[in-house]
Amino acid sequence: MSVDHPTLDRIRATRERLGDLVETTPVRRWHDAVIDERLGPRAQVVLKEELFQRAGSFKPRGALAVMLDLTPEALSRGVTAVSAGNHAMAVAYAAGVLGTTAKVVMPKTANPFRVARCRAMGALVELVDDVHLAFSRVKQIETEEGRTFVHPFEGPLTALGTATLGLELVEQAGPLDAVVVPIGGGGLCAGVAAAVKLASPSTLVYGVEPEGADSMHRSFAAGSPQSIEKVTTIADSLGAPYASPYSFELCRTYVDDLVLVSDAALRRAMKLLFVSAKLAVEPAGAAATAAALGPLAERLANRRVGIVVCGANLDAATYSAHLAAADDDT
């Protein structure tokens, strides 16, 4: 398909428009013996710590990019969204700062902590049986109530929002040989990959999916957006049921390769980030680390690598259980 690709000027304009509604999150060189062991003594790993973003993940960048483009009339009618948590919280946050209301639809399997956080941030929350029903229900709300649907990962404005993260990383970190980005529906990877390639064409971009949510892998193989019947991963933030045309096309254009990581690898990466980098992240937030130190290790040997740490919305009990399980995985 023919798509309207981001440009550096439009990405910079989007970042200016987002202003202080989002944070310019830190970039930090990560020093650890495991990096030397897995990637070689000359390797350098740089963490883009997006877990410190408003609402605890990268999602406000895309949500606000969409909502700031709404007319006053549309904004007054409110917005709606579907999400297992991070996007719902981002839309709730964006609605609050923009003076409107949000009604979000979440699967019943969503982490109770995230549901509670959405409500605490002012969103009306509806729970349905699964993510496929959630997408159907949000369309009903859009039709019946006149709310604008803020898609969790699809569309040019969403990609421009997430691209601000990629451009920040390149400008903060300096020259990078590679960047590793998690993939759920593909909105984060689409924007980050586009920004990285536009700003630094020689930098390789790798996307990473959980084994139990591999819609982008299937889409690349088929040459068109594909869906999966069921999400089976602890990284529920990466559990999109399908890929969509725009984000798929940007990923296919700008991403050099995709890799898969297991739930066990995600838990081990969570523990390593906690023990070594002092970051308490959700499974999705550890995906890029798991990939860089696992299936990508040989290709990243002795390279300078940027890793996107995309979020940290998880309750203490579930987080602790994942760390305990990581001990059993080793």
Foldseek 3Di string as FASTA:
>chain_A
DDDDADAPVLLVVLPVVCPVVKDLADKDWFDDVLCCVLFNPLEIEIEREQCPIPLRFLQLLLLLLVQVPDDPVQLQLAAEEEALASNLSSSLSNNVVVVHAYEYEYEPPRDPLRVVSSVVSPHHYHYDHDRVVRVVVRVVCCVPRVHHYRYRADDDSSLSSLLNSLLSCCVNVPDFQEEEEEAALQRNVLNNLSNNCNVPVNHAYEYEYAPQAPQLVVCVVVVHKDFADDGDEQPRNSRDGIHDHPSSVSCVVRHPYYDYDYNLLLLLQQLCCCVRVVDRAGSSLSGRVSCCSPVCSVVNRSTYYYYYRGGHRDDPVVSVVSNVVNVVSD
